[in-house]
N, C-alpha and C. Protein backbone atom coordinates (compact mmCIF):
# COMPACT_ATOMS: atom_id res chain seq x y z
N MET A 1 0.86 -1.17 0.00
CA MET A 1 0.00 0.00 0.00
C MET A 1 0.90 1.23 0.00
N ASN A 2 0.53 2.23 -0.77
CA ASN A 2 1.32 3.46 -0.81
C ASN A 2 0.68 4.52 0.10
N PRO A 3 1.43 5.59 0.43
CA PRO A 3 0.91 6.61 1.33
C PRO A 3 -0.37 7.30 0.82
N THR A 4 -0.49 7.49 -0.48
CA THR A 4 -1.69 8.13 -1.03
C THR A 4 -2.92 7.28 -0.78
N THR A 5 -2.81 5.99 -1.04
CA THR A 5 -3.92 5.06 -0.79
C THR A 5 -4.25 5.04 0.70
N ALA A 6 -3.21 4.99 1.54
CA ALA A 6 -3.43 4.97 2.99
C ALA A 6 -4.15 6.23 3.46
N LYS A 7 -3.77 7.38 2.89
CA LYS A 7 -4.42 8.65 3.25
C LYS A 7 -5.90 8.61 2.87
N LYS A 8 -6.19 8.10 1.69
CA LYS A 8 -7.58 8.03 1.24
C LYS A 8 -8.40 7.10 2.14
N LEU A 9 -7.80 5.96 2.51
CA LEU A 9 -8.50 5.02 3.39
C LEU A 9 -8.68 5.60 4.79
N MET A 10 -7.71 6.39 5.25
CA MET A 10 -7.80 7.00 6.56
C MET A 10 -8.94 8.02 6.59
N ILE A 11 -9.03 8.84 5.55
CA ILE A 11 -10.10 9.84 5.49
C ILE A 11 -11.46 9.16 5.38
N ALA A 12 -11.53 8.09 4.60
CA ALA A 12 -12.79 7.36 4.44
C ALA A 12 -13.13 6.51 5.66
N GLU A 13 -12.18 6.38 6.59
CA GLU A 13 -12.34 5.55 7.79
C GLU A 13 -12.73 4.12 7.43
N SER A 14 -12.04 3.58 6.44
CA SER A 14 -12.30 2.22 5.96
C SER A 14 -11.56 1.19 6.80
N GLN A 15 -12.13 -0.01 6.86
CA GLN A 15 -11.49 -1.11 7.56
C GLN A 15 -10.30 -1.61 6.75
N VAL A 16 -9.26 -2.04 7.46
CA VAL A 16 -8.08 -2.61 6.81
C VAL A 16 -7.67 -3.89 7.54
N PHE A 17 -6.78 -4.65 6.90
CA PHE A 17 -6.30 -5.90 7.48
C PHE A 17 -4.78 -5.85 7.63
N TYR A 18 -4.31 -6.42 8.74
CA TYR A 18 -2.88 -6.54 8.98
C TYR A 18 -2.65 -7.87 9.68
N ASN A 19 -1.79 -8.69 9.11
CA ASN A 19 -1.51 -10.04 9.65
C ASN A 19 -2.78 -10.86 9.85
N GLY A 20 -3.73 -10.73 8.93
CA GLY A 20 -4.96 -11.51 8.99
C GLY A 20 -5.99 -11.01 9.98
N VAL A 21 -5.70 -9.88 10.64
CA VAL A 21 -6.62 -9.31 11.62
C VAL A 21 -7.27 -8.07 11.02
N GLU A 22 -8.58 -7.96 11.22
CA GLU A 22 -9.32 -6.80 10.71
C GLU A 22 -9.25 -5.65 11.72
N TYR A 23 -8.90 -4.46 11.25
CA TYR A 23 -8.83 -3.27 12.08
C TYR A 23 -9.91 -2.29 11.65
N ASP A 24 -10.40 -1.51 12.61
CA ASP A 24 -11.50 -0.58 12.36
C ASP A 24 -11.12 0.48 11.32
N LYS A 25 -9.94 1.07 11.48
CA LYS A 25 -9.52 2.12 10.55
C LYS A 25 -8.05 2.47 10.77
N ILE A 26 -7.52 3.25 9.84
CA ILE A 26 -6.19 3.83 10.00
C ILE A 26 -6.37 5.11 10.80
N LYS A 27 -5.74 5.17 11.96
CA LYS A 27 -5.87 6.32 12.86
C LYS A 27 -4.92 7.45 12.46
N SER A 28 -3.68 7.09 12.06
CA SER A 28 -2.71 8.11 11.66
C SER A 28 -1.64 7.49 10.78
N LEU A 29 -0.96 8.35 10.04
CA LEU A 29 0.16 7.92 9.21
C LEU A 29 1.44 8.46 9.83
N ILE A 30 2.48 7.65 9.80
CA ILE A 30 3.76 8.01 10.39
C ILE A 30 4.85 7.77 9.36
N PHE A 31 5.75 8.73 9.22
CA PHE A 31 6.89 8.57 8.33
C PHE A 31 8.15 8.62 9.18
N LYS A 32 8.97 7.56 9.08
CA LYS A 32 10.18 7.46 9.89
C LYS A 32 11.41 7.45 8.99
N LYS A 33 12.40 8.24 9.39
CA LYS A 33 13.65 8.28 8.64
C LYS A 33 14.56 7.16 9.17
N THR A 34 15.02 6.31 8.26
CA THR A 34 15.92 5.21 8.62
C THR A 34 17.18 5.31 7.76
N GLU A 35 18.10 4.40 7.99
CA GLU A 35 19.33 4.37 7.18
C GLU A 35 19.03 4.08 5.72
N ASN A 36 17.94 3.37 5.47
CA ASN A 36 17.57 2.99 4.10
C ASN A 36 16.56 3.95 3.47
N GLY A 37 16.35 5.10 4.07
CA GLY A 37 15.39 6.07 3.53
C GLY A 37 14.23 6.26 4.48
N ILE A 38 13.14 6.75 3.92
CA ILE A 38 11.95 7.02 4.73
C ILE A 38 10.99 5.83 4.63
N LYS A 39 10.54 5.36 5.77
CA LYS A 39 9.58 4.25 5.84
C LYS A 39 8.23 4.78 6.29
N ALA A 40 7.18 4.34 5.62
CA ALA A 40 5.83 4.78 5.95
C ALA A 40 5.14 3.72 6.81
N CYS A 41 4.53 4.18 7.89
CA CYS A 41 3.79 3.30 8.80
C CYS A 41 2.40 3.90 9.05
N ALA A 42 1.55 3.09 9.64
CA ALA A 42 0.22 3.56 10.02
C ALA A 42 -0.13 3.02 11.39
N GLU A 43 -0.86 3.82 12.15
CA GLU A 43 -1.43 3.36 13.40
C GLU A 43 -2.82 2.84 13.09
N LEU A 44 -3.06 1.59 13.45
CA LEU A 44 -4.34 0.94 13.17
C LEU A 44 -5.14 0.81 14.46
N LEU A 45 -6.39 1.25 14.43
CA LEU A 45 -7.28 1.16 15.59
C LEU A 45 -8.03 -0.16 15.52
N ASP A 46 -7.99 -0.93 16.62
CA ASP A 46 -8.66 -2.23 16.61
C ASP A 46 -10.18 -2.08 16.62
N LYS A 47 -10.89 -3.18 16.36
CA LYS A 47 -12.35 -3.16 16.25
C LYS A 47 -13.04 -2.70 17.54
N ASN A 48 -12.42 -2.98 18.70
CA ASN A 48 -13.01 -2.59 19.98
C ASN A 48 -12.65 -1.16 20.37
N LYS A 49 -11.84 -0.52 19.54
CA LYS A 49 -11.37 0.85 19.78
C LYS A 49 -10.61 0.97 21.10
N ASN A 50 -9.87 -0.10 21.44
CA ASN A 50 -9.12 -0.12 22.69
C ASN A 50 -7.63 0.11 22.50
N SER A 51 -7.09 -0.31 21.37
CA SER A 51 -5.64 -0.23 21.22
C SER A 51 -5.24 0.13 19.80
N LEU A 52 -4.01 0.62 19.69
CA LEU A 52 -3.43 0.96 18.40
C LEU A 52 -2.29 0.01 18.09
N THR A 53 -2.18 -0.37 16.84
CA THR A 53 -1.08 -1.20 16.37
C THR A 53 -0.37 -0.42 15.27
N THR A 54 0.95 -0.37 15.34
CA THR A 54 1.72 0.30 14.29
C THR A 54 2.22 -0.74 13.31
N ALA A 55 2.01 -0.48 12.02
CA ALA A 55 2.41 -1.43 10.99
C ALA A 55 2.97 -0.68 9.79
N PHE A 56 3.91 -1.31 9.09
CA PHE A 56 4.41 -0.73 7.84
C PHE A 56 3.30 -0.78 6.80
N LEU A 57 3.21 0.26 5.98
CA LEU A 57 2.16 0.31 4.97
C LEU A 57 2.23 -0.88 4.03
N LYS A 58 3.43 -1.36 3.74
CA LYS A 58 3.57 -2.48 2.80
C LYS A 58 2.89 -3.75 3.31
N ASP A 59 2.67 -3.83 4.62
CA ASP A 59 2.06 -5.03 5.21
C ASP A 59 0.55 -4.92 5.41
N ILE A 60 -0.01 -3.75 5.15
CA ILE A 60 -1.44 -3.52 5.36
C ILE A 60 -2.19 -3.81 4.06
N LYS A 61 -3.32 -4.50 4.20
CA LYS A 61 -4.14 -4.84 3.03
C LYS A 61 -5.52 -4.22 3.17
N ILE A 62 -6.14 -3.97 2.03
CA ILE A 62 -7.48 -3.40 2.02
C ILE A 62 -8.51 -4.46 2.37
N ASP A 63 -8.30 -5.68 1.88
CA ASP A 63 -9.20 -6.77 2.23
C ASP A 63 -8.37 -8.00 2.57
N GLU A 64 -8.99 -8.91 3.28
CA GLU A 64 -8.28 -10.07 3.83
C GLU A 64 -7.64 -10.92 2.74
N THR A 65 -8.34 -11.12 1.66
CA THR A 65 -7.77 -11.88 0.55
C THR A 65 -7.75 -11.01 -0.68
N GLU A 66 -6.70 -11.10 -1.43
CA GLU A 66 -6.56 -10.27 -2.63
C GLU A 66 -7.49 -10.74 -3.75
N ASP A 67 -8.16 -11.88 -3.58
CA ASP A 67 -9.05 -12.41 -4.60
C ASP A 67 -10.41 -11.69 -4.61
N LYS A 68 -10.75 -11.04 -3.50
CA LYS A 68 -12.04 -10.35 -3.43
C LYS A 68 -12.07 -9.20 -4.43
N GLU A 69 -13.29 -8.78 -4.74
CA GLU A 69 -13.45 -7.64 -5.65
C GLU A 69 -12.79 -6.40 -5.04
N ARG A 70 -12.04 -5.69 -5.83
CA ARG A 70 -11.28 -4.53 -5.36
C ARG A 70 -12.22 -3.38 -4.99
N ILE A 71 -11.98 -2.80 -3.83
CA ILE A 71 -12.78 -1.66 -3.38
C ILE A 71 -12.33 -0.43 -4.16
N ASN A 72 -13.27 0.37 -4.60
CA ASN A 72 -12.93 1.59 -5.30
C ASN A 72 -12.50 2.64 -4.28
N ILE A 73 -11.19 2.77 -4.10
CA ILE A 73 -10.64 3.65 -3.09
C ILE A 73 -11.00 5.11 -3.35
N ASP A 74 -11.02 5.51 -4.62
CA ASP A 74 -11.34 6.89 -4.94
C ASP A 74 -12.75 7.26 -4.50
N ASP A 75 -13.70 6.34 -4.65
CA ASP A 75 -15.07 6.61 -4.20
C ASP A 75 -15.14 6.71 -2.68
N LEU A 76 -14.40 5.83 -1.99
CA LEU A 76 -14.36 5.90 -0.53
C LEU A 76 -13.75 7.22 -0.07
N TYR A 77 -12.68 7.62 -0.73
CA TYR A 77 -11.99 8.87 -0.41
C TYR A 77 -12.93 10.06 -0.60
N PHE A 78 -13.62 10.09 -1.75
CA PHE A 78 -14.55 11.18 -2.05
C PHE A 78 -15.66 11.24 -1.01
N SER A 79 -16.19 10.09 -0.65
CA SER A 79 -17.25 10.02 0.36
C SER A 79 -16.74 10.52 1.71
N GLY A 80 -15.52 10.13 2.06
CA GLY A 80 -14.91 10.57 3.31
C GLY A 80 -14.71 12.08 3.34
N LEU A 81 -14.28 12.64 2.21
CA LEU A 81 -14.10 14.10 2.13
C LEU A 81 -15.43 14.82 2.29
N GLN A 82 -16.48 14.29 1.67
CA GLN A 82 -17.80 14.90 1.80
C GLN A 82 -18.25 14.90 3.26
N SER A 83 -18.06 13.78 3.95
CA SER A 83 -18.45 13.67 5.36
C SER A 83 -17.65 14.65 6.22
N GLU A 84 -16.35 14.74 5.94
CA GLU A 84 -15.50 15.64 6.71
C GLU A 84 -15.91 17.10 6.49
N PHE A 85 -16.24 17.44 5.24
CA PHE A 85 -16.69 18.80 4.93
C PHE A 85 -17.97 19.13 5.68
N LYS A 86 -18.94 18.21 5.65
CA LYS A 86 -20.21 18.43 6.34
C LYS A 86 -20.00 18.60 7.85
N ARG A 87 -19.16 17.73 8.42
CA ARG A 87 -18.91 17.78 9.86
C ARG A 87 -18.27 19.11 10.25
N ASN A 88 -17.24 19.53 9.50
CA ASN A 88 -16.57 20.79 9.81
C ASN A 88 -17.50 21.99 9.64
N ALA A 89 -18.35 21.95 8.61
CA ALA A 89 -19.28 23.04 8.38
C ALA A 89 -20.29 23.15 9.53
N LEU A 90 -20.81 22.01 9.98
CA LEU A 90 -21.75 22.03 11.10
C LEU A 90 -21.10 22.54 12.38
N LEU A 91 -19.86 22.10 12.64
CA LEU A 91 -19.15 22.57 13.83
C LEU A 91 -18.91 24.07 13.76
N CYS A 92 -18.59 24.57 12.58
CA CYS A 92 -18.37 26.01 12.39
C CYS A 92 -19.65 26.79 12.66
N ILE A 93 -20.75 26.34 12.09
CA ILE A 93 -22.04 27.01 12.29
C ILE A 93 -22.44 27.00 13.76
N ASN A 94 -22.27 25.85 14.42
CA ASN A 94 -22.59 25.76 15.85
C ASN A 94 -21.70 26.67 16.68
N SER A 95 -20.42 26.74 16.34
CA SER A 95 -19.48 27.59 17.07
C SER A 95 -19.85 29.06 16.93
N LEU A 96 -20.25 29.45 15.73
CA LEU A 96 -20.69 30.84 15.53
C LEU A 96 -21.97 31.12 16.31
N GLY A 97 -22.84 30.13 16.38
CA GLY A 97 -24.10 30.29 17.12
C GLY A 97 -23.91 30.53 18.60
N ILE A 98 -22.84 29.97 19.17
CA ILE A 98 -22.59 30.16 20.60
C ILE A 98 -21.47 31.17 20.84
N SER A 99 -21.12 31.91 19.79
CA SER A 99 -20.10 32.98 19.85
C SER A 99 -18.72 32.46 20.24
N ASN A 100 -18.40 31.24 19.86
CA ASN A 100 -17.06 30.70 20.09
C ASN A 100 -16.26 30.93 18.80
N TYR A 101 -15.77 32.15 18.64
CA TYR A 101 -15.15 32.55 17.39
C TYR A 101 -13.81 31.85 17.14
N LYS A 102 -13.10 31.53 18.19
CA LYS A 102 -11.82 30.84 18.03
C LYS A 102 -12.03 29.45 17.43
N LEU A 103 -13.01 28.72 17.94
CA LEU A 103 -13.32 27.39 17.40
C LEU A 103 -13.86 27.50 15.97
N ALA A 104 -14.69 28.52 15.72
CA ALA A 104 -15.23 28.73 14.38
C ALA A 104 -14.10 28.98 13.38
N LEU A 105 -13.10 29.76 13.78
CA LEU A 105 -11.95 30.03 12.91
C LEU A 105 -11.18 28.75 12.63
N THR A 106 -11.01 27.92 13.65
CA THR A 106 -10.33 26.63 13.46
C THR A 106 -11.09 25.76 12.47
N GLU A 107 -12.40 25.72 12.59
CA GLU A 107 -13.21 24.91 11.67
C GLU A 107 -13.20 25.46 10.25
N ILE A 108 -13.17 26.79 10.11
CA ILE A 108 -13.08 27.38 8.77
C ILE A 108 -11.77 26.98 8.11
N ARG A 109 -10.69 26.98 8.88
CA ARG A 109 -9.39 26.55 8.33
C ARG A 109 -9.44 25.08 7.92
N ALA A 110 -10.12 24.26 8.71
CA ALA A 110 -10.27 22.84 8.36
C ALA A 110 -11.10 22.70 7.09
N ILE A 111 -12.15 23.52 6.96
CA ILE A 111 -13.00 23.48 5.76
C ILE A 111 -12.18 23.84 4.53
N ILE A 112 -11.35 24.86 4.64
CA ILE A 112 -10.51 25.28 3.50
C ILE A 112 -9.59 24.14 3.08
N SER A 113 -9.01 23.45 4.05
CA SER A 113 -8.13 22.32 3.75
C SER A 113 -8.89 21.21 3.04
N VAL A 114 -10.09 20.91 3.52
CA VAL A 114 -10.90 19.84 2.92
C VAL A 114 -11.35 20.24 1.52
N ILE A 115 -11.70 21.52 1.35
CA ILE A 115 -12.17 21.98 0.04
C ILE A 115 -11.09 21.78 -1.02
N THR A 116 -9.84 22.00 -0.67
CA THR A 116 -8.74 21.79 -1.62
C THR A 116 -8.69 20.34 -2.06
N ASP A 117 -8.77 19.42 -1.11
CA ASP A 117 -8.76 17.99 -1.44
C ASP A 117 -10.02 17.59 -2.21
N LEU A 118 -11.15 18.17 -1.82
CA LEU A 118 -12.42 17.88 -2.48
C LEU A 118 -12.40 18.37 -3.93
N GLU A 119 -11.78 19.52 -4.16
CA GLU A 119 -11.66 20.05 -5.52
C GLU A 119 -10.86 19.09 -6.40
N GLU A 120 -9.73 18.60 -5.88
CA GLU A 120 -8.91 17.65 -6.64
C GLU A 120 -9.70 16.38 -6.96
N ALA A 121 -10.42 15.87 -5.97
CA ALA A 121 -11.20 14.64 -6.17
C ALA A 121 -12.30 14.87 -7.21
N LEU A 122 -12.94 16.03 -7.16
CA LEU A 122 -13.99 16.34 -8.14
C LEU A 122 -13.42 16.48 -9.54
N GLU A 123 -12.25 17.10 -9.66
CA GLU A 123 -11.61 17.23 -10.97
C GLU A 123 -11.31 15.85 -11.56
N GLN A 124 -10.87 14.92 -10.72
CA GLN A 124 -10.61 13.56 -11.18
C GLN A 124 -11.90 12.89 -11.63
N LYS A 125 -12.98 13.09 -10.87
CA LYS A 125 -14.27 12.49 -11.24
C LYS A 125 -14.77 13.06 -12.57
N VAL A 126 -14.64 14.38 -12.76
CA VAL A 126 -15.07 15.01 -14.00
C VAL A 126 -14.25 14.47 -15.17
N GLY A 127 -12.93 14.35 -14.96
CA GLY A 127 -12.06 13.80 -16.00
C GLY A 127 -12.42 12.37 -16.35
N SER A 128 -12.74 11.57 -15.35
CA SER A 128 -13.13 10.17 -15.58
C SER A 128 -14.44 10.09 -16.36
N LYS A 129 -15.40 10.94 -15.99
CA LYS A 129 -16.70 10.95 -16.69
C LYS A 129 -16.52 11.33 -18.15
N GLU A 130 -15.68 12.34 -18.41
CA GLU A 130 -15.45 12.79 -19.79
C GLU A 130 -14.81 11.68 -20.62
N GLU A 131 -13.86 10.95 -20.01
CA GLU A 131 -13.21 9.84 -20.72
C GLU A 131 -14.20 8.73 -21.03
N GLU A 132 -15.09 8.42 -20.08
CA GLU A 132 -16.11 7.39 -20.29
C GLU A 132 -17.06 7.79 -21.43
N GLU A 133 -17.43 9.06 -21.47
CA GLU A 133 -18.34 9.53 -22.51
C GLU A 133 -17.68 9.50 -23.89
N LYS A 134 -16.38 9.79 -23.94
CA LYS A 134 -15.66 9.75 -25.22
C LYS A 134 -15.56 8.33 -25.75
N GLU A 135 -15.41 7.36 -24.82
CA GLU A 135 -15.30 5.96 -25.22
C GLU A 135 -16.62 5.43 -25.78
N LYS A 136 -17.74 5.99 -25.36
CA LYS A 136 -19.06 5.54 -25.82
C LYS A 136 -19.30 6.11 -27.16
């Protein structure tokens, strides 16, 4: 698994597998500098939400067996971005309603960050749709 895929799965809060065990989601990504370069790891939250396991990205799988139908990561990522945007927008509106301007400002900054990623994802979707229409 590469860092881009891991980021998309983390945002989508998708389940992943490591050593045959199913984990609830990727909690965070970690990059460690070693003698052989930079190694990418992820903290995996267990199904009971009790503990974190750190694993190299190369050892994490999207599904238990590679024979299963491949999950469309881009759709999961897009869905995760939409959820994150909605959540941040609601928190911002609620913060403004109770005059907590500092929290509202934090949420606006989070919204701006999500909008940038959402714009990229939408551009990819538009490009994919145009290619499909040209093929027809």
